[in-house]
Amino acid sequence: MPLIPIAIAGGAQQTPEWIAEHADASLNYPRDLGAPRLKTREWQQRTGDGGKPYLTPMVLALQSDAEGPPGSPQPDSPSPRSP
């Protein structure tokens, strides 16, 4: 019978080393856009770059005008919540 993959959300009151050894993936919380790169690199170092996924949700403000300038949400769009 196949095993069900386990993704640990946040720290789960465990050390990052424990999570890297025992979990199949790490699921983290939304962060500033630069943070996932650092957190992904740390996860790959802990797991030996063994292909274990690092998952993180992202809040995106989409525009109705695909040709509009980047980073300018529509005036009637709700603003993203801070983590």
N, C-alpha and C. Protein backbone atom coordinates (compact mmCIF):
# COMPACT_ATOMS: atom_id res chain seq x y z
N MET A 1 0.85 -1.18 0.00
CA MET A 1 0.00 0.00 0.00
C MET A 1 0.90 1.24 0.00
N PRO A 2 0.62 2.21 -0.90
CA PRO A 2 1.46 3.41 -0.96
C PRO A 2 1.27 4.28 0.27
N LEU A 3 2.33 4.98 0.64
CA LEU A 3 2.27 5.90 1.78
C LEU A 3 1.68 7.23 1.34
N ILE A 4 1.01 7.90 2.26
CA ILE A 4 0.47 9.22 1.99
C ILE A 4 1.56 10.25 2.29
N PRO A 5 1.91 11.11 1.33
CA PRO A 5 2.94 12.12 1.59
C PRO A 5 2.49 13.09 2.68
N ILE A 6 3.41 13.48 3.53
CA ILE A 6 3.13 14.40 4.63
C ILE A 6 3.88 15.71 4.40
N ALA A 7 3.13 16.82 4.38
CA ALA A 7 3.73 18.16 4.33
C ALA A 7 3.51 18.80 5.69
N ILE A 8 4.57 19.25 6.31
CA ILE A 8 4.49 19.90 7.62
C ILE A 8 4.24 21.39 7.40
N ALA A 9 3.19 21.91 8.03
CA ALA A 9 2.87 23.34 7.91
C ALA A 9 3.59 24.11 9.02
N GLY A 10 4.31 25.15 8.61
CA GLY A 10 5.03 25.96 9.60
C GLY A 10 6.11 25.13 10.27
N GLY A 11 6.26 25.34 11.57
CA GLY A 11 7.27 24.61 12.32
C GLY A 11 6.74 23.39 13.04
N ALA A 12 5.43 23.32 13.25
CA ALA A 12 4.80 22.18 13.91
C ALA A 12 5.49 21.83 15.23
N GLN A 13 6.06 22.82 15.89
CA GLN A 13 6.78 22.66 17.16
C GLN A 13 7.93 21.66 17.04
N GLN A 14 8.54 21.65 15.84
CA GLN A 14 9.69 20.78 15.58
C GLN A 14 10.84 21.65 15.06
N THR A 15 12.03 21.10 15.09
CA THR A 15 13.17 21.82 14.53
C THR A 15 13.12 21.68 13.00
N PRO A 16 13.73 22.64 12.30
CA PRO A 16 13.79 22.51 10.83
C PRO A 16 14.49 21.22 10.39
N GLU A 17 15.48 20.79 11.15
CA GLU A 17 16.20 19.55 10.82
C GLU A 17 15.28 18.34 10.93
N TRP A 18 14.44 18.31 11.97
CA TRP A 18 13.50 17.19 12.15
C TRP A 18 12.51 17.15 10.99
N ILE A 19 12.00 18.32 10.62
CA ILE A 19 11.04 18.39 9.52
C ILE A 19 11.69 17.90 8.22
N ALA A 20 12.92 18.35 7.96
CA ALA A 20 13.62 17.93 6.75
C ALA A 20 13.82 16.43 6.70
N GLU A 21 14.07 15.82 7.85
CA GLU A 21 14.30 14.37 7.90
C GLU A 21 13.02 13.56 7.79
N HIS A 22 11.94 14.02 8.44
CA HIS A 22 10.74 13.19 8.57
C HIS A 22 9.58 13.55 7.65
N ALA A 23 9.56 14.77 7.12
CA ALA A 23 8.44 15.19 6.28
C ALA A 23 8.78 14.97 4.80
N ASP A 24 7.74 14.87 3.99
CA ASP A 24 7.92 14.76 2.54
C ASP A 24 7.98 16.13 1.88
N ALA A 25 7.47 17.17 2.58
CA ALA A 25 7.48 18.53 2.05
C ALA A 25 7.32 19.51 3.21
N SER A 26 7.72 20.75 2.96
CA SER A 26 7.53 21.81 3.93
C SER A 26 6.52 22.79 3.36
N LEU A 27 5.48 23.10 4.14
CA LEU A 27 4.45 24.06 3.74
C LEU A 27 4.58 25.25 4.66
N ASN A 28 4.95 26.39 4.10
CA ASN A 28 5.17 27.56 4.93
C ASN A 28 4.10 28.60 4.69
N TYR A 29 4.16 29.68 5.43
CA TYR A 29 3.15 30.73 5.38
C TYR A 29 3.54 31.81 4.38
N PRO A 30 2.58 32.61 3.92
CA PRO A 30 2.93 33.70 2.99
C PRO A 30 3.94 34.64 3.62
N ARG A 31 4.88 35.08 2.84
CA ARG A 31 5.94 35.99 3.29
C ARG A 31 6.18 37.02 2.20
N ASP A 32 7.06 37.98 2.50
CA ASP A 32 7.47 38.94 1.48
C ASP A 32 8.05 38.18 0.29
N LEU A 33 8.02 38.80 -0.88
CA LEU A 33 8.43 38.11 -2.10
C LEU A 33 9.87 37.61 -2.09
N GLY A 34 10.78 38.24 -1.37
CA GLY A 34 12.16 37.79 -1.34
C GLY A 34 12.38 36.59 -0.44
N ALA A 35 11.51 36.37 0.52
CA ALA A 35 11.71 35.31 1.51
C ALA A 35 11.63 33.90 0.93
N PRO A 36 10.72 33.58 0.01
CA PRO A 36 10.66 32.20 -0.49
C PRO A 36 11.97 31.72 -1.10
N ARG A 37 12.71 32.60 -1.74
CA ARG A 37 14.00 32.19 -2.33
C ARG A 37 14.96 31.72 -1.24
N LEU A 38 15.07 32.50 -0.15
CA LEU A 38 15.95 32.15 0.96
C LEU A 38 15.46 30.87 1.64
N LYS A 39 14.15 30.81 1.93
CA LYS A 39 13.59 29.64 2.62
C LYS A 39 13.73 28.39 1.76
N THR A 40 13.55 28.51 0.45
CA THR A 40 13.71 27.36 -0.45
C THR A 40 15.15 26.88 -0.44
N ARG A 41 16.09 27.82 -0.47
CA ARG A 41 17.52 27.46 -0.44
C ARG A 41 17.85 26.73 0.87
N GLU A 42 17.36 27.26 2.00
CA GLU A 42 17.60 26.61 3.29
C GLU A 42 17.01 25.20 3.31
N TRP A 43 15.79 25.04 2.77
CA TRP A 43 15.14 23.73 2.72
C TRP A 43 15.95 22.76 1.87
N GLN A 44 16.44 23.20 0.73
CA GLN A 44 17.24 22.34 -0.13
C GLN A 44 18.54 21.93 0.55
N GLN A 45 19.15 22.83 1.31
CA GLN A 45 20.37 22.49 2.04
C GLN A 45 20.08 21.45 3.12
N ARG A 46 18.97 21.60 3.82
CA ARG A 46 18.62 20.64 4.89
C ARG A 46 18.25 19.27 4.34
N THR A 47 17.61 19.24 3.17
CA THR A 47 17.15 17.96 2.63
C THR A 47 18.17 17.36 1.66
N GLY A 48 19.30 18.03 1.51
CA GLY A 48 20.31 17.51 0.59
C GLY A 48 19.88 17.64 -0.86
N ASP A 49 18.99 18.59 -1.13
CA ASP A 49 18.47 18.80 -2.48
C ASP A 49 17.90 17.49 -3.03
N GLY A 50 17.24 16.73 -2.15
CA GLY A 50 16.70 15.43 -2.53
C GLY A 50 15.34 15.47 -3.20
N GLY A 51 14.92 16.63 -3.66
CA GLY A 51 13.67 16.70 -4.38
C GLY A 51 12.44 16.85 -3.51
N LYS A 52 12.60 17.13 -2.22
CA LYS A 52 11.44 17.35 -1.36
C LYS A 52 10.92 18.76 -1.61
N PRO A 53 9.63 18.91 -1.91
CA PRO A 53 9.10 20.23 -2.23
C PRO A 53 9.04 21.19 -1.05
N TYR A 54 9.22 22.45 -1.35
CA TYR A 54 8.98 23.54 -0.41
C TYR A 54 7.79 24.30 -0.95
N LEU A 55 6.71 24.34 -0.21
CA LEU A 55 5.46 24.95 -0.67
C LEU A 55 5.17 26.23 0.11
N THR A 56 4.69 27.24 -0.58
CA THR A 56 4.29 28.47 0.08
C THR A 56 3.17 29.13 -0.72
N PRO A 57 2.11 29.56 -0.06
CA PRO A 57 1.06 30.29 -0.79
C PRO A 57 1.53 31.71 -1.07
N MET A 58 0.94 32.33 -2.07
CA MET A 58 1.26 33.71 -2.41
C MET A 58 -0.03 34.49 -2.60
N VAL A 59 -0.02 35.73 -2.18
CA VAL A 59 -1.16 36.62 -2.40
C VAL A 59 -0.84 37.44 -3.64
N LEU A 60 -1.70 37.35 -4.64
CA LEU A 60 -1.49 38.08 -5.88
C LEU A 60 -2.65 39.04 -6.11
N ALA A 61 -2.35 40.22 -6.53
CA ALA A 61 -3.37 41.19 -6.93
C ALA A 61 -3.41 41.18 -8.46
N LEU A 62 -4.44 40.58 -9.02
CA LEU A 62 -4.54 40.46 -10.47
C LEU A 62 -5.21 41.69 -11.06
N GLN A 63 -4.83 42.02 -12.27
CA GLN A 63 -5.40 43.16 -12.97
C GLN A 63 -6.31 42.67 -14.09
N SER A 64 -7.34 43.43 -14.38
CA SER A 64 -8.20 43.07 -15.51
C SER A 64 -7.55 43.48 -16.82
N ASP A 65 -6.64 44.45 -16.80
CA ASP A 65 -5.95 44.91 -18.00
C ASP A 65 -4.58 44.25 -18.07
N ALA A 66 -4.43 43.25 -18.93
CA ALA A 66 -3.17 42.53 -19.04
C ALA A 66 -2.04 43.43 -19.54
N GLU A 67 -2.37 44.53 -20.16
CA GLU A 67 -1.36 45.45 -20.68
C GLU A 67 -1.03 46.57 -19.68
N GLY A 68 -1.70 46.57 -18.52
CA GLY A 68 -1.47 47.60 -17.52
C GLY A 68 -0.10 47.51 -16.90
N PRO A 69 0.33 48.58 -16.24
CA PRO A 69 1.66 48.55 -15.62
C PRO A 69 1.72 47.55 -14.46
N PRO A 70 2.85 46.88 -14.28
CA PRO A 70 2.95 45.90 -13.19
C PRO A 70 2.88 46.59 -11.84
N GLY A 71 2.34 45.87 -10.87
CA GLY A 71 2.32 46.35 -9.50
C GLY A 71 1.28 47.40 -9.21
N SER A 72 0.32 47.58 -10.10
CA SER A 72 -0.72 48.58 -9.83
C SER A 72 -2.09 47.91 -9.87
N PRO A 73 -2.58 47.43 -8.72
CA PRO A 73 -3.88 46.76 -8.70
C PRO A 73 -4.99 47.73 -9.07
N GLN A 74 -6.09 47.17 -9.51
CA GLN A 74 -7.25 47.97 -9.87
C GLN A 74 -7.76 48.72 -8.64
N PRO A 75 -8.29 49.94 -8.82
CA PRO A 75 -8.77 50.74 -7.68
C PRO A 75 -9.82 50.04 -6.84
N ASP A 76 -10.64 49.20 -7.46
CA ASP A 76 -11.71 48.55 -6.68
C ASP A 76 -11.29 47.18 -6.14
N SER A 77 -10.02 46.80 -6.32
CA SER A 77 -9.54 45.51 -5.82
C SER A 77 -9.31 45.58 -4.32
N PRO A 78 -9.64 44.51 -3.61
CA PRO A 78 -9.29 44.50 -2.19
C PRO A 78 -7.78 44.42 -2.04
N SER A 79 -7.24 45.08 -1.05
CA SER A 79 -5.81 45.01 -0.85
C SER A 79 -5.46 43.71 -0.16
N PRO A 80 -4.30 43.13 -0.52
CA PRO A 80 -3.90 41.85 0.09
C PRO A 80 -3.68 42.01 1.59
N ARG A 81 -4.00 40.95 2.30
CA ARG A 81 -3.79 40.95 3.76
C ARG A 81 -2.32 40.71 4.05
N SER A 82 -1.85 41.34 5.10
CA SER A 82 -0.48 41.10 5.55
C SER A 82 -0.42 39.82 6.34
N PRO A 83 0.66 39.03 6.17
CA PRO A 83 0.78 37.78 6.94
C PRO A 83 1.00 38.05 8.40
